Amino acid sequence: MGAWICFVDESGLTLRPARARTWAPRGQTPVVKVAGRGGRRLSVAGIVAYRAGRRPRIIYRTMLHRGRKGEPKGFTEQHFAALLDAAHQHLDGPIVLVWDGLPAHKSAKMRALIAARPWLRVYQLPGYAPELNPVENLWSSLKRSMANLVPGTIHDLLCTAKNRLKSMQYRPTLALAFLTTSGLRPP
């Protein structure tokens, strides 16, 4: 078949920094002031793609949620379809897609969007098994690289996340490590 095996997942980032390690003299608790307000968040959907004889690829899309009424808080069926179309164009080949059981992945609208793409086959990961998805390792690596970062605005967070993800795209060995850490073997 010569298809790309693509794992998909989504994650979110907020202005509240993820803590890693900290140090302070005894008796002086470190305090981090954050300018975060309300429901502003950055949603990221990512694909880690593998194909025998080709270097692995990382493809992602971002979406800002500003906390406005009626605004989607995460990726919808149309967003996922656009991501898959972009991946198909970028990878230039058929795709075998593996993703989790997010309701947007299983909806009737998504099934119709998938059926309209003859180059796409979809498989669902078992429930409660995020360790089988290499994209979870991508998010872990991204969040570790942003630990203790205190962005001033949601746009600062967006720029930093894009820069970190872009640097990961140029490291194919990292994408292979995401796969092997999941207990899977490269094609």
Foldseek 3Di string as FASTA:
>chain_A
DQAKEKEKDKDKDFLDFAADDDDDPPPDDDDDDAPGDDDWMKMKMWIWIATPPDQIFIDMDIDIDPPDPPDDPYDALVNVLVSVVVVCVVVVAAYEYEYEVDVRCVDPVNVVSQVVDPSYHYDYDDPPQCLLGLVVVVVVVLSVVRHPPRDRDVVSVVVSSVVVVVVVRPPSVVSQVSNVSSVHHGD
